[in-house]
Amino acid sequence: MRNRYLFALSFLIFSNFLFAQTYINNVTIVDVENERLIPNQTVIITKNLISNIQKSNDENLPKNVTIINGTDKYLIPGLIDAHIHFFQNGGLYTRPDVIDLRKFKDYEQEIAYAKTDMETKLRRYLQNGITTVIDVGANYQFLKQRNDFTDKTFSPSIFMSGPLLTTYKPKVYNGLGEDEPFTLTATIEDGIKGVQEQLKYKPDFIKIWYIAGADGLDIEESARKNLPIVKAIIDEAHKNNLKVAVHATQRITAQLAVENGADFLVHSVDDEVLKDDFVQLMKKNKTILCPTLIVHSGYLKTFGHTLHMSNYELQKADAYQLGSLLDLKHLSDTTLVKRYKNYANSQKSIKRLQKTDSISLSNLKIASDAGVLIATGTDAGNIGTLHASSYLQELKTMQKSGMSNWKIIQASTINGAKVFDKEREFGTINIGKKANLVLLDANPIEDIQNVTKIHTVFNKGEIFTPNTLIKDSPTDLVQRQLNAYNFRNIDAFLEPYADDVEIYSYPNTLRYKGKKIMRKQYSELFEQVPNLHCELKERIVQGTIVIDKERVRFGTIINEAVAIYHIEKGKIKKVYFIK
């Protein structure tokens, strides 16, 4: 076996001349396995593999290769989001079982958007340095659709389960056919059948939604009642060489799942601090934990109208889904909106969230310190947790637990690869591994936020600069500035505008010109006007011109207006206001 491996490696190295090569020169390698920075290295990529790593020597660089200057830059393995959902879009209308807004937007429209937007989501992930995603609960439609992207260089590698197998299924998802994200398993036979039905779609693993208490019993009684079904699903999956991920947020469901063979826990235990015997059991069984720390607060902050978005999120997120999160400020069903707002902002909800967040952070640190494998995952697609752009916030929240930046980077690379025993293929920077890599302009060990300072992404043998993966349309620019306006974020608001932007009163009266004056005007507005909100009523697009009909609230005053945006060279160059 060793001789075969050496032969294969030798063939890889000595046949380099057969393929186009890329040299990343004078770069600092972030060695996630040994927690060290290795400066002045040249990483050679042949086809889609790392074919050599050597000390840099500018004088001996060959001709006819692509050379990327890595001076003062840091090379990390491609990031992995170990918990996402393609069937959910991250906006307000994506979970009708949590908040039913189907009278405002048909859920079938939401499903259709998820399908047509899959390519853009994948491009957005790669743009953010995420070269592998794990969909922890999809449906049959997406199991088929993922095959369309297997060989696409712009697509991260996709690992995906089928519908969630569960003893509790929200009724709103009934009758959706291949779009159903849940399969009800009320008996052991149902559980076994649920696994077998997925096999023809070739899932990468099986997912169990272990919900205790929905049947009216107390948590432990309910968990133990449903355990035989959970165990049958795990056994059937393992019999078919499939790993099992389990949604378990209570200590009892998590422990029972691990005791019965669960491979991957996809949420934090948030009801009690973990005891050492359970932690050691996870470590012994090599159970991987994906904490998903930000998803619950995303819901409550959206419902409570207290959501905050950073400049990074306002620029990198799906602008339309992000914008929908503020729709509760103008939906006509004020009784529903008020009920959710009061619930989210009640002392009971706030204290419960503070308690569960505190326990989750404590448990993450306990598990990490004990040597339990932690894999970074966002649960992206849920309300308030947007695809790709939410990743940074998850990392920063992991940091609050006390995890070091090294441990967080390990959780975001090599540990994610270990979920499916792929650590020999990717997750570190070593000869023979896939060249799924991210070249950063700053050191991520110094500051975890530096993972967003992306110079180049390498994926499946292709080289990408982030701004080439998704091209802004005129409506993207207009929607981004609208979102930033509603979040009162002056820097993000000005980002889509040209430096010499011109603001007019229709038809041709110039009010002012340039971002400097615009910054002063809108900074004062954002700081001084209470209850500021702009509702988009209608949008017309004609080439590079976007016409928005808006309903703007300034305190107690409401104005109807039309804004005409002219886009030139990828920026908003002129705006005409009609009142």
Protein backbone atom coordinates (compact mmCIF):
# COMPACT_ATOMS: atom_id res chain seq x y z
CA MET A 1 0.00 0.00 0.00
CA ARG A 2 2.83 2.41 0.88
CA ASN A 3 4.58 1.73 -2.46
CA ARG A 4 1.35 2.38 -4.33
CA TYR A 5 0.94 5.70 -2.52
CA LEU A 6 4.54 6.75 -3.25
CA PHE A 7 4.13 5.82 -6.90
CA ALA A 8 0.97 7.90 -7.18
CA LEU A 9 2.62 10.86 -5.47
CA SER A 10 5.71 10.56 -7.68
CA PHE A 11 3.54 10.43 -10.77
CA LEU A 12 1.76 13.57 -9.59
CA ILE A 13 5.00 15.46 -9.07
CA PHE A 14 6.92 14.31 -12.15
CA SER A 15 4.01 14.71 -14.56
CA ASN A 16 3.43 18.35 -13.66
CA PHE A 17 4.49 19.50 -17.11
CA LEU A 18 1.38 17.88 -18.59
CA PHE A 19 -0.95 20.41 -16.98
CA ALA A 20 -1.23 24.16 -16.52
CA GLN A 21 0.32 25.21 -13.26
CA THR A 22 -0.17 28.03 -10.77
CA TYR A 23 2.59 29.22 -8.42
CA ILE A 24 1.51 31.12 -5.30
CA ASN A 25 4.84 32.70 -4.47
CA ASN A 26 6.28 34.24 -1.26
CA VAL A 27 3.17 33.42 0.72
CA THR A 28 2.70 32.63 4.40
CA ILE A 29 0.95 29.28 4.83
CA VAL A 30 -1.52 28.97 7.70
CA ASP A 31 -0.77 25.45 8.94
CA VAL A 32 -4.04 24.61 10.70
CA GLU A 33 -2.89 21.17 11.89
CA ASN A 34 0.21 22.36 13.72
CA GLU A 35 -1.01 25.86 14.59
CA ARG A 36 1.90 27.68 12.99
CA LEU A 37 2.53 30.25 10.28
CA ILE A 38 5.09 29.19 7.66
CA PRO A 39 6.44 32.24 5.80
CA ASN A 40 8.19 32.57 2.44
CA GLN A 41 6.60 29.54 0.78
CA THR A 42 5.69 28.73 -2.81
CA VAL A 43 2.61 26.56 -3.26
CA ILE A 44 2.37 24.91 -6.66
CA ILE A 45 -1.04 23.93 -8.01
CA THR A 46 -1.24 21.49 -10.89
CA LYS A 47 -4.68 21.02 -12.35
CA ASN A 48 -6.78 21.00 -9.15
CA LEU A 49 -4.25 19.58 -6.68
CA ILE A 50 -1.39 20.93 -4.58
CA SER A 51 1.54 19.30 -6.38
CA ASN A 52 4.41 20.84 -4.40
CA ILE A 53 5.30 23.20 -1.57
CA GLN A 54 8.78 24.67 -1.41
CA LYS A 55 10.82 27.55 -0.07
CA SER A 56 10.33 30.60 -2.29
CA ASN A 57 13.05 31.51 -4.78
CA ASP A 58 12.17 34.30 -7.18
CA GLU A 59 15.10 33.50 -9.45
CA ASN A 60 13.98 29.96 -10.25
CA LEU A 61 10.35 30.56 -11.18
CA PRO A 62 9.57 28.72 -14.42
CA LYS A 63 8.08 30.33 -17.49
CA ASN A 64 4.67 29.47 -18.90
CA VAL A 65 3.03 29.19 -15.47
CA THR A 66 0.58 31.48 -13.70
CA ILE A 67 2.36 33.31 -10.88
CA ILE A 68 0.41 34.91 -8.03
CA ASN A 69 2.36 37.18 -5.73
CA GLY A 70 1.68 36.11 -2.16
CA THR A 71 3.94 38.70 -0.51
CA ASP A 72 2.40 39.87 2.79
CA LYS A 73 -0.50 37.50 2.19
CA TYR A 74 -1.77 34.42 4.02
CA LEU A 75 -2.92 31.17 2.47
CA ILE A 76 -5.60 29.18 4.29
CA PRO A 77 -7.53 26.05 3.32
CA GLY A 78 -10.94 26.77 1.84
CA LEU A 79 -13.53 27.45 4.53
CA ILE A 80 -16.35 25.00 5.23
CA ASP A 81 -19.88 25.84 6.35
CA ALA A 82 -20.98 22.59 7.94
CA HIS A 83 -24.65 23.54 8.37
CA ILE A 84 -26.77 25.25 5.72
CA HIS A 85 -30.18 24.74 4.06
CA PHE A 86 -30.69 25.44 0.37
CA PHE A 87 -34.48 25.15 0.65
CA GLN A 88 -34.50 28.19 2.96
CA ASN A 89 -33.47 31.63 1.74
CA GLY A 90 -32.73 33.51 4.96
CA GLY A 91 -35.46 36.11 4.52
CA LEU A 92 -38.70 36.78 6.36
CA TYR A 93 -40.93 34.44 4.33
CA THR A 94 -38.78 31.32 4.38
CA ARG A 95 -40.24 29.54 7.44
CA PRO A 96 -44.07 29.61 7.38
CA ASP A 97 -44.11 27.12 10.27
CA VAL A 98 -42.46 29.79 12.45
CA ILE A 99 -44.27 32.88 11.18
CA ASP A 100 -47.04 32.35 8.64
CA LEU A 101 -46.98 35.21 6.14
CA ARG A 102 -48.42 33.32 3.17
CA LYS A 103 -51.16 35.89 2.73
CA PHE A 104 -48.42 38.39 1.86
CA LYS A 105 -46.24 36.05 -0.19
CA ASP A 106 -47.16 32.64 -1.56
CA TYR A 107 -44.83 30.00 -0.15
CA GLU A 108 -44.59 28.42 -3.59
CA GLN A 109 -42.86 31.62 -4.73
CA GLU A 110 -40.36 31.17 -1.92
CA ILE A 111 -39.71 27.57 -2.98
CA ALA A 112 -39.29 28.62 -6.62
CA TYR A 113 -36.82 31.32 -5.61
CA ALA A 114 -34.75 28.80 -3.62
CA LYS A 115 -34.47 26.58 -6.69
CA THR A 116 -33.56 29.28 -9.18
CA ASP A 117 -31.22 31.00 -6.71
CA MET A 118 -29.09 27.93 -5.94
CA GLU A 119 -26.35 28.95 -8.38
CA THR A 120 -26.17 32.45 -6.95
CA LYS A 121 -26.00 31.07 -3.41
CA LEU A 122 -23.10 28.82 -4.44
CA ARG A 123 -21.30 31.72 -6.10
CA ARG A 124 -21.87 33.81 -2.98
CA TYR A 125 -20.36 31.10 -0.78
CA LEU A 126 -17.27 30.86 -2.98
CA GLN A 127 -17.00 34.66 -3.09
CA ASN A 128 -16.74 34.53 0.70
CA GLY A 129 -13.98 31.91 0.67
CA ILE A 130 -16.27 28.97 1.48
CA THR A 131 -15.27 26.08 -0.78
CA THR A 132 -17.40 23.37 0.86
CA VAL A 133 -20.98 23.45 2.14
CA ILE A 134 -22.95 20.80 4.01
CA ASP A 135 -26.73 20.97 3.57
CA VAL A 136 -28.03 19.46 6.79
CA GLY A 137 -31.61 18.85 5.69
CA ALA A 138 -32.66 19.37 2.08
CA ASN A 139 -35.32 17.65 -0.03
CA TYR A 140 -35.45 15.35 -3.02
CA GLN A 141 -35.53 18.27 -5.44
CA PHE A 142 -32.23 19.63 -4.15
CA LEU A 143 -30.65 16.17 -3.98
CA LYS A 144 -31.24 16.03 -7.73
CA GLN A 145 -30.35 19.66 -8.39
CA ARG A 146 -26.95 19.46 -6.64
CA ASN A 147 -25.77 17.17 -9.45
CA ASP A 148 -25.96 20.15 -11.82
CA PHE A 149 -23.07 21.77 -9.94
CA THR A 150 -20.71 18.85 -9.33
CA ASP A 151 -18.26 19.91 -12.04
CA LYS A 152 -18.90 23.65 -11.97
CA THR A 153 -15.73 25.46 -10.93
CA PHE A 154 -17.71 28.34 -9.37
CA SER A 155 -19.48 25.92 -7.05
CA PRO A 156 -18.20 24.83 -3.66
CA SER A 157 -18.25 21.10 -3.04
CA ILE A 158 -21.72 20.11 -1.81
CA PHE A 159 -22.58 17.45 0.76
CA MET A 160 -26.30 16.99 1.29
CA SER A 161 -28.87 14.97 3.19
CA GLY A 162 -32.42 14.33 2.07
CA PRO A 163 -35.54 15.43 3.99
CA LEU A 164 -35.25 15.53 7.77
CA LEU A 165 -36.59 12.35 9.37
CA THR A 166 -38.71 13.39 12.33
CA THR A 167 -41.45 12.31 14.73
CA TYR A 168 -42.88 15.85 14.49
CA LYS A 169 -43.70 17.44 11.13
CA PRO A 170 -45.13 20.97 10.72
CA LYS A 171 -48.38 20.72 8.76
CA VAL A 172 -47.51 23.67 6.54
CA TYR A 173 -45.04 21.48 4.63
CA ASN A 174 -47.57 18.77 3.75
CA GLY A 175 -48.39 18.13 0.10
CA LEU A 176 -45.23 19.62 -1.37
CA GLY A 177 -44.04 16.42 -3.05
CA GLU A 178 -40.32 16.46 -3.81
CA ASP A 179 -40.10 19.90 -2.19
CA GLU A 180 -41.04 18.58 1.28
CA PRO A 181 -38.14 19.11 3.70
CA PHE A 182 -39.54 16.72 6.36
CA THR A 183 -40.51 13.05 6.41
CA LEU A 184 -42.76 11.98 9.27
CA THR A 185 -41.48 8.84 11.02
CA ALA A 186 -44.08 7.90 13.63
CA THR A 187 -42.91 4.28 13.94
CA ILE A 188 -39.72 2.23 13.71
CA GLU A 189 -40.90 0.97 10.34
CA ASP A 190 -41.39 4.56 9.15
CA GLY A 191 -37.85 5.39 10.24
CA ILE A 192 -36.32 2.50 8.34
CA LYS A 193 -38.45 3.26 5.29
CA GLY A 194 -37.47 6.94 5.50
CA VAL A 195 -33.81 5.98 5.12
CA GLN A 196 -34.47 3.50 2.33
CA GLU A 197 -36.50 6.00 0.30
CA GLN A 198 -33.58 8.42 0.27
CA LEU A 199 -31.04 5.88 -0.98
CA LYS A 200 -32.01 6.18 -4.65
CA TYR A 201 -31.20 9.91 -4.49
CA LYS A 202 -27.71 9.11 -3.14
CA PRO A 203 -27.60 11.41 -0.10
CA ASP A 204 -24.23 11.95 1.56
CA PHE A 205 -25.76 11.33 4.99
CA ILE A 206 -29.06 11.09 6.88
CA LYS A 207 -30.48 13.80 9.13
CA ILE A 208 -32.77 13.30 12.14
CA TRP A 209 -34.82 16.14 13.60
CA TYR A 210 -34.95 14.91 17.20
CA ILE A 211 -37.75 17.09 18.60
CA ALA A 212 -38.76 16.32 22.18
CA GLY A 213 -41.87 17.72 23.85
CA ALA A 214 -44.00 18.39 20.77
CA ASP A 215 -46.16 15.41 21.74
CA GLY A 216 -47.18 17.03 25.04
CA LEU A 217 -44.88 14.91 27.19
CA ASP A 218 -42.04 16.36 29.24
CA ILE A 219 -38.70 16.57 27.44
CA GLU A 220 -37.02 13.43 28.78
CA GLU A 221 -40.16 11.28 28.58
CA SER A 222 -40.74 12.40 25.01
CA ALA A 223 -37.09 11.85 24.06
CA ARG A 224 -37.08 8.31 25.45
CA LYS A 225 -40.43 7.50 23.85
CA ASN A 226 -39.06 8.41 20.41
CA LEU A 227 -35.61 6.89 20.96
CA PRO A 228 -36.42 3.50 19.35
CA ILE A 229 -37.32 5.33 16.11
CA VAL A 230 -34.15 7.42 16.28
CA LYS A 231 -32.04 4.31 16.91
CA ALA A 232 -33.68 2.45 14.01
CA ILE A 233 -32.88 5.33 11.65
CA ILE A 234 -29.25 5.46 12.81
CA ASP A 235 -28.84 1.70 12.47
CA GLU A 236 -30.40 1.61 9.00
CA ALA A 237 -28.23 4.52 7.82
CA HIS A 238 -25.06 2.92 9.15
CA LYS A 239 -26.04 -0.38 7.51
CA ASN A 240 -26.02 1.55 4.22
CA ASN A 241 -22.66 3.24 5.01
CA LEU A 242 -24.24 6.63 5.65
CA LYS A 243 -23.37 8.84 8.58
CA VAL A 244 -26.13 10.42 10.66
CA ALA A 245 -26.54 14.04 11.71
CA VAL A 246 -28.94 14.78 14.57
CA HIS A 247 -30.69 18.02 15.49
CA ALA A 248 -30.63 17.89 19.28
CA THR A 249 -30.70 21.02 21.42
CA GLN A 250 -31.47 19.43 24.79
CA ARG A 251 -28.84 17.53 26.72
CA ILE A 252 -31.01 14.42 26.95
CA THR A 253 -31.69 14.22 23.19
CA ALA A 254 -28.04 14.92 22.37
CA GLN A 255 -26.78 12.31 24.82
CA LEU A 256 -29.26 9.65 23.71
CA ALA A 257 -28.33 10.33 20.09
CA VAL A 258 -24.60 9.98 20.77
CA GLU A 259 -25.10 6.85 22.88
CA ASN A 260 -26.95 5.30 19.95
CA GLY A 261 -24.41 6.13 17.25
CA ALA A 262 -25.01 9.69 16.03
CA ASP A 263 -21.98 10.94 14.08
CA PHE A 264 -22.72 14.64 13.90
CA LEU A 265 -24.59 16.89 16.36
CA VAL A 266 -25.73 19.93 14.43
CA HIS A 267 -26.68 22.32 17.23
CA SER A 268 -25.51 23.31 20.68
CA VAL A 269 -27.01 21.83 23.80
CA ASP A 270 -28.58 24.93 25.31
CA ASP A 271 -30.63 23.72 28.29
CA GLU A 272 -27.84 22.64 30.68
CA VAL A 273 -24.09 22.73 31.04
CA LEU A 274 -22.47 19.53 29.80
CA LYS A 275 -21.02 17.10 32.31
CA ASP A 276 -17.69 15.43 31.76
CA ASP A 277 -19.07 11.93 31.19
CA PHE A 278 -21.07 13.09 28.15
CA VAL A 279 -18.19 15.18 26.83
CA GLN A 280 -15.85 12.21 27.08
CA LEU A 281 -18.44 10.04 25.32
CA MET A 282 -18.52 12.49 22.38
CA LYS A 283 -14.74 12.48 22.26
CA LYS A 284 -14.53 8.68 22.46
CA ASN A 285 -17.16 8.21 19.72
CA LYS A 286 -15.52 10.93 17.58
CA THR A 287 -18.86 12.72 17.41
CA ILE A 288 -18.46 16.08 15.71
CA LEU A 289 -20.29 19.08 17.17
CA CYS A 290 -21.55 21.97 15.03
CA PRO A 291 -22.70 24.68 17.50
CA THR A 292 -24.73 27.07 15.21
CA LEU A 293 -24.61 29.91 17.73
CA ILE A 294 -26.31 32.81 15.93
CA VAL A 295 -29.44 31.29 14.42
CA HIS A 296 -31.81 31.72 17.39
CA SER A 297 -30.97 35.38 17.91
CA GLY A 298 -31.54 35.97 14.19
CA TYR A 299 -35.19 35.02 14.63
CA LEU A 300 -35.81 37.06 17.77
CA LYS A 301 -34.00 40.16 16.52
CA THR A 302 -35.99 40.04 13.27
CA PHE A 303 -39.31 39.65 15.09
CA GLY A 304 -38.36 42.26 17.70
CA HIS A 305 -37.22 44.86 15.13
CA THR A 306 -33.78 44.94 16.77
CA LEU A 307 -31.79 43.35 13.96
CA HIS A 308 -28.37 44.81 13.22
CA MET A 309 -26.38 44.22 10.04
CA SER A 310 -22.69 45.03 9.68
CA ASN A 311 -21.18 46.77 6.64
CA TYR A 312 -19.90 43.39 5.53
CA GLU A 313 -23.35 41.78 5.65
CA LEU A 314 -25.01 44.73 3.94
CA GLN A 315 -22.52 44.44 1.07
CA LYS A 316 -22.16 40.65 0.77
CA ALA A 317 -25.61 39.23 1.57
CA ASP A 318 -28.47 38.55 -0.82
CA ALA A 319 -29.78 42.11 -0.80
CA TYR A 320 -33.40 41.13 -1.43
CA GLN A 321 -33.60 38.53 1.34
CA LEU A 322 -31.83 40.90 3.72
CA GLY A 323 -34.26 43.66 2.82
CA SER A 324 -37.25 41.41 3.50
CA LEU A 325 -36.19 41.08 7.14
CA LEU A 326 -37.45 44.62 7.72
CA ASP A 327 -40.85 44.05 6.09
CA LEU A 328 -42.43 43.63 9.53
CA LYS A 329 -42.13 47.41 9.84
CA HIS A 330 -44.77 47.93 7.16
CA LEU A 331 -46.90 44.78 6.79
CA SER A 332 -50.60 45.55 7.07
CA ASP A 333 -51.36 42.87 9.66
CA THR A 334 -50.32 45.05 12.57
CA THR A 335 -51.86 42.67 15.13
CA LEU A 336 -49.62 39.82 13.98
CA VAL A 337 -46.57 42.08 13.80
CA LYS A 338 -47.21 43.49 17.27
CA ARG A 339 -47.69 40.01 18.74
CA TYR A 340 -44.35 38.78 17.40
CA LYS A 341 -42.60 42.01 18.39
CA ASN A 342 -43.95 41.87 21.93
CA TYR A 343 -42.99 38.21 22.22
CA ALA A 344 -39.43 38.81 21.00
CA ASN A 345 -38.88 41.86 23.20
CA SER A 346 -40.51 40.47 26.34
CA GLN A 347 -38.31 40.07 29.40
CA LYS A 348 -39.06 36.35 29.34
CA SER A 349 -37.78 35.92 25.77
CA ILE A 350 -34.75 38.14 26.33
CA LYS A 351 -33.75 36.28 29.49
CA ARG A 352 -34.33 32.91 27.84
CA LEU A 353 -32.11 33.87 24.89
CA GLN A 354 -29.42 35.21 27.21
CA LYS A 355 -29.51 31.97 29.20
CA THR A 356 -29.43 29.63 26.19
CA ASP A 357 -26.68 31.68 24.53
CA SER A 358 -24.63 31.61 27.72
CA ILE A 359 -25.04 27.84 28.09
CA SER A 360 -24.23 27.28 24.39
CA LEU A 361 -21.02 29.31 24.66
CA SER A 362 -20.00 27.53 27.86
CA ASN A 363 -20.65 24.13 26.30
CA LEU A 364 -18.67 25.03 23.19
CA LYS A 365 -15.63 25.95 25.28
CA ILE A 366 -15.99 22.83 27.45
CA ALA A 367 -16.24 20.55 24.43
CA SER A 368 -13.44 22.27 22.52
CA ASP A 369 -11.06 22.23 25.49
CA ALA A 370 -11.78 18.52 26.02
CA GLY A 371 -10.81 17.70 22.43
CA VAL A 372 -14.27 17.19 20.93
CA LEU A 373 -14.13 18.01 17.24
CA ILE A 374 -15.93 21.30 16.50
CA ALA A 375 -17.10 22.15 12.97
CA THR A 376 -18.21 25.67 12.08
CA GLY A 377 -21.75 25.94 10.74
CA THR A 378 -24.28 28.77 10.51
CA ASP A 379 -27.66 27.08 9.87
CA ALA A 380 -27.88 29.57 7.02
CA GLY A 381 -31.24 29.89 5.33
CA ASN A 382 -33.19 30.41 8.53
CA ILE A 383 -34.85 33.78 9.14
CA GLY A 384 -32.12 36.31 9.87
CA THR A 385 -29.21 33.94 9.10
CA LEU A 386 -28.30 34.75 5.51
CA HIS A 387 -26.36 32.47 3.22
CA ALA A 388 -22.57 33.04 3.17
CA SER A 389 -22.55 36.52 4.74
CA SER A 390 -23.58 35.16 8.16
CA TYR A 391 -20.38 33.08 8.41
CA LEU A 392 -18.26 35.88 9.87
CA GLN A 393 -20.76 36.54 12.65
CA GLU A 394 -20.72 32.84 13.55
CA LEU A 395 -16.92 32.94 13.81
CA LYS A 396 -17.00 36.05 15.99
CA THR A 397 -19.58 34.43 18.26
CA MET A 398 -17.45 31.29 18.56
CA GLN A 399 -14.66 33.61 19.65
CA LYS A 400 -16.85 34.85 22.52
CA SER A 401 -16.81 31.33 23.96
CA GLY A 402 -13.08 31.67 24.54
CA MET A 403 -11.98 29.56 21.57
CA SER A 404 -8.68 30.76 20.13
CA ASN A 405 -8.48 31.92 16.53
CA TRP A 406 -6.43 28.82 15.75
CA LYS A 407 -9.19 26.58 17.08
CA ILE A 408 -11.81 28.53 15.13
CA ILE A 409 -9.84 28.24 11.89
CA GLN A 410 -9.43 24.49 12.53
CA ALA A 411 -13.20 24.21 13.08
CA SER A 412 -13.72 26.05 9.80
CA THR A 413 -11.36 23.91 7.72
CA ILE A 414 -9.91 20.53 8.71
CA ASN A 415 -12.68 19.64 11.18
CA GLY A 416 -15.35 20.28 8.57
CA ALA A 417 -13.52 17.89 6.25
CA LYS A 418 -13.58 15.26 8.99
CA VAL A 419 -17.39 15.21 9.05
CA PHE A 420 -17.25 12.87 6.04
CA ASP A 421 -13.71 11.53 6.60
CA LYS A 422 -12.39 13.73 3.80
CA GLU A 423 -9.41 15.16 5.71
CA ARG A 424 -7.01 13.34 3.36
CA GLU A 425 -8.58 15.15 0.40
CA PHE A 426 -8.95 18.75 1.65
CA GLY A 427 -9.00 20.90 4.77
CA THR A 428 -5.24 21.55 5.06
CA ILE A 429 -2.45 22.79 2.80
CA ASN A 430 -0.44 19.68 1.96
CA ILE A 431 0.98 18.08 -1.17
CA GLY A 432 -1.57 15.87 -2.89
CA LYS A 433 -4.64 17.58 -1.45
CA LYS A 434 -7.26 19.48 -3.41
CA ALA A 435 -6.30 23.06 -4.07
CA ASN A 436 -9.39 24.51 -2.38
CA LEU A 437 -7.61 27.54 -0.97
CA VAL A 438 -8.14 31.16 0.00
CA LEU A 439 -5.46 33.85 -0.29
CA LEU A 440 -5.99 36.56 2.32
CA ASP A 441 -4.59 40.09 2.50
CA ALA A 442 -4.24 39.91 6.29
CA ASN A 443 -3.47 37.43 9.06
CA PRO A 444 -6.62 35.58 10.30
CA ILE A 445 -4.83 34.42 13.46
CA GLU A 446 -4.29 38.05 14.45
CA ASP A 447 -7.90 38.99 13.76
CA ILE A 448 -10.58 36.46 12.79
CA GLN A 449 -12.33 39.14 10.72
CA ASN A 450 -9.41 38.96 8.31
CA VAL A 451 -10.97 35.86 6.74
CA THR A 452 -13.14 38.36 4.83
CA LYS A 453 -10.13 40.18 3.34
CA ILE A 454 -10.00 37.86 0.36
CA HIS A 455 -7.56 38.44 -2.48
CA THR A 456 -8.05 35.20 -4.44
CA VAL A 457 -10.05 31.97 -4.14
CA PHE A 458 -8.81 28.70 -5.67
CA ASN A 459 -11.47 26.09 -6.38
CA LYS A 460 -11.45 22.96 -8.54
CA GLY A 461 -8.40 24.13 -10.45
CA GLU A 462 -9.83 27.59 -11.17
CA ILE A 463 -8.60 30.96 -9.91
CA PHE A 464 -11.23 33.52 -8.85
CA THR A 465 -11.09 37.08 -7.64
CA PRO A 466 -14.18 37.64 -5.46
CA ASN A 467 -15.73 40.44 -7.53
CA THR A 468 -15.86 38.23 -10.64
CA LEU A 469 -18.13 35.61 -9.09
CA ILE A 470 -21.24 37.77 -8.77
CA LYS A 471 -21.76 40.82 -10.94
CA ASP A 472 -23.95 43.56 -9.50
CA SER A 473 -27.07 44.33 -11.52
CA PRO A 474 -28.56 47.85 -11.38
CA THR A 475 -31.26 46.58 -9.00
CA ASP A 476 -28.63 44.98 -6.73
CA LEU A 477 -27.01 48.39 -6.24
CA VAL A 478 -30.32 50.13 -5.60
CA GLN A 479 -31.51 47.45 -3.18
CA ARG A 480 -28.24 47.58 -1.22
CA GLN A 481 -28.50 51.32 -0.65
CA LEU A 482 -32.16 50.92 0.32
CA ASN A 483 -31.25 48.29 2.91
CA ALA A 484 -28.48 50.44 4.34
CA TYR A 485 -30.86 53.42 4.49
CA ASN A 486 -33.28 51.38 6.58
CA PHE A 487 -30.45 50.21 8.85
CA ARG A 488 -29.16 53.82 9.10
CA ASN A 489 -25.68 52.71 8.06
CA ILE A 490 -24.06 55.64 6.28
CA ASP A 491 -20.97 53.81 4.98
CA ALA A 492 -22.95 50.92 3.53
CA PHE A 493 -25.50 53.40 2.15
CA LEU A 494 -22.87 55.33 0.22
CA GLU A 495 -20.99 52.25 -1.06
CA PRO A 496 -23.13 51.71 -4.22
CA TYR A 497 -22.84 55.39 -5.24
CA ALA A 498 -20.23 56.96 -7.53
CA ASP A 499 -17.89 59.45 -5.86
CA ASP A 500 -19.25 62.22 -8.08
CA VAL A 501 -22.91 61.22 -7.73
CA GLU A 502 -25.46 63.87 -8.71
CA ILE A 503 -28.77 64.33 -6.85
CA TYR A 504 -31.61 66.07 -8.69
CA SER A 505 -35.14 67.26 -8.09
CA TYR A 506 -37.04 66.08 -11.14
CA PRO A 507 -36.77 67.00 -13.93
CA ASN A 508 -33.36 68.74 -13.91
CA THR A 509 -32.70 70.82 -10.81
CA LEU A 510 -29.31 69.81 -9.34
CA ARG A 511 -29.55 69.73 -5.55
CA TYR A 512 -25.94 68.72 -4.85
CA LYS A 513 -23.06 66.69 -6.22
CA GLY A 514 -20.55 64.33 -4.63
CA LYS A 515 -20.43 61.80 -1.80
CA LYS A 516 -19.01 64.29 0.69
CA ILE A 517 -22.17 66.41 0.68
CA MET A 518 -24.33 63.29 0.45
CA ARG A 519 -22.64 61.88 3.56
CA LYS A 520 -23.40 65.05 5.51
CA GLN A 521 -27.05 65.13 4.38
CA TYR A 522 -27.84 61.52 5.17
CA SER A 523 -25.72 61.25 8.33
CA GLU A 524 -27.83 64.00 9.87
CA LEU A 525 -31.01 62.26 8.69
CA PHE A 526 -29.95 58.90 10.17
CA GLU A 527 -28.92 60.48 13.46
CA GLN A 528 -31.80 62.89 14.00
CA VAL A 529 -34.99 61.39 12.53
CA PRO A 530 -36.80 58.79 14.64
CA ASN A 531 -38.79 55.90 13.17
CA LEU A 532 -37.15 56.21 9.76
CA HIS A 533 -38.21 53.57 7.24
CA CYS A 534 -38.55 53.33 3.46
CA GLU A 535 -40.99 50.80 2.00
CA LEU A 536 -40.56 49.83 -1.63
CA LYS A 537 -44.00 49.79 -3.23
CA GLU A 538 -43.08 49.16 -6.85
CA ARG A 539 -39.93 48.85 -8.97
CA ILE A 540 -39.47 49.29 -12.72
CA VAL A 541 -36.19 48.45 -14.43
CA GLN A 542 -35.28 49.76 -17.87
CA GLY A 543 -31.71 48.85 -18.80
CA THR A 544 -29.44 50.75 -16.43
CA ILE A 545 -32.27 52.86 -15.02
CA VAL A 546 -34.16 51.74 -11.91
CA ILE A 547 -37.37 53.53 -10.90
CA ASP A 548 -38.61 52.95 -7.35
CA LYS A 549 -41.95 54.03 -5.98
CA GLU A 550 -41.36 54.51 -2.26
CA ARG A 551 -43.34 55.14 0.88
CA VAL A 552 -41.05 56.86 3.37
CA ARG A 553 -41.78 57.34 7.06
CA PHE A 554 -40.05 60.16 8.95
CA GLY A 555 -41.23 59.89 12.55
CA THR A 556 -45.00 60.37 12.27
CA ILE A 557 -44.84 61.84 8.75
CA ILE A 558 -45.30 59.62 5.68
CA ASN A 559 -44.30 60.77 2.20
CA GLU A 560 -44.89 59.11 -1.15
CA ALA A 561 -42.01 59.57 -3.58
CA VAL A 562 -40.47 58.25 -6.78
CA ALA A 563 -36.71 57.84 -7.10
CA ILE A 564 -35.06 57.36 -10.51
CA TYR A 565 -31.60 55.83 -10.29
CA HIS A 566 -29.15 56.01 -13.21
CA ILE A 567 -26.34 53.46 -13.07
CA GLU A 568 -23.03 54.05 -14.86
CA LYS A 569 -19.88 51.89 -14.67
CA GLY A 570 -21.24 49.75 -11.85
CA LYS A 571 -22.23 52.63 -9.56
CA ILE A 572 -25.27 54.85 -8.99
CA LYS A 573 -24.29 58.02 -10.84
CA LYS A 574 -27.49 60.12 -10.79
CA VAL A 575 -30.69 60.13 -8.74
CA TYR A 576 -33.85 62.07 -9.60
CA PHE A 577 -36.51 62.51 -6.91
CA ILE A 578 -40.15 63.15 -7.81
CA LYS A 579 -42.43 64.20 -4.96
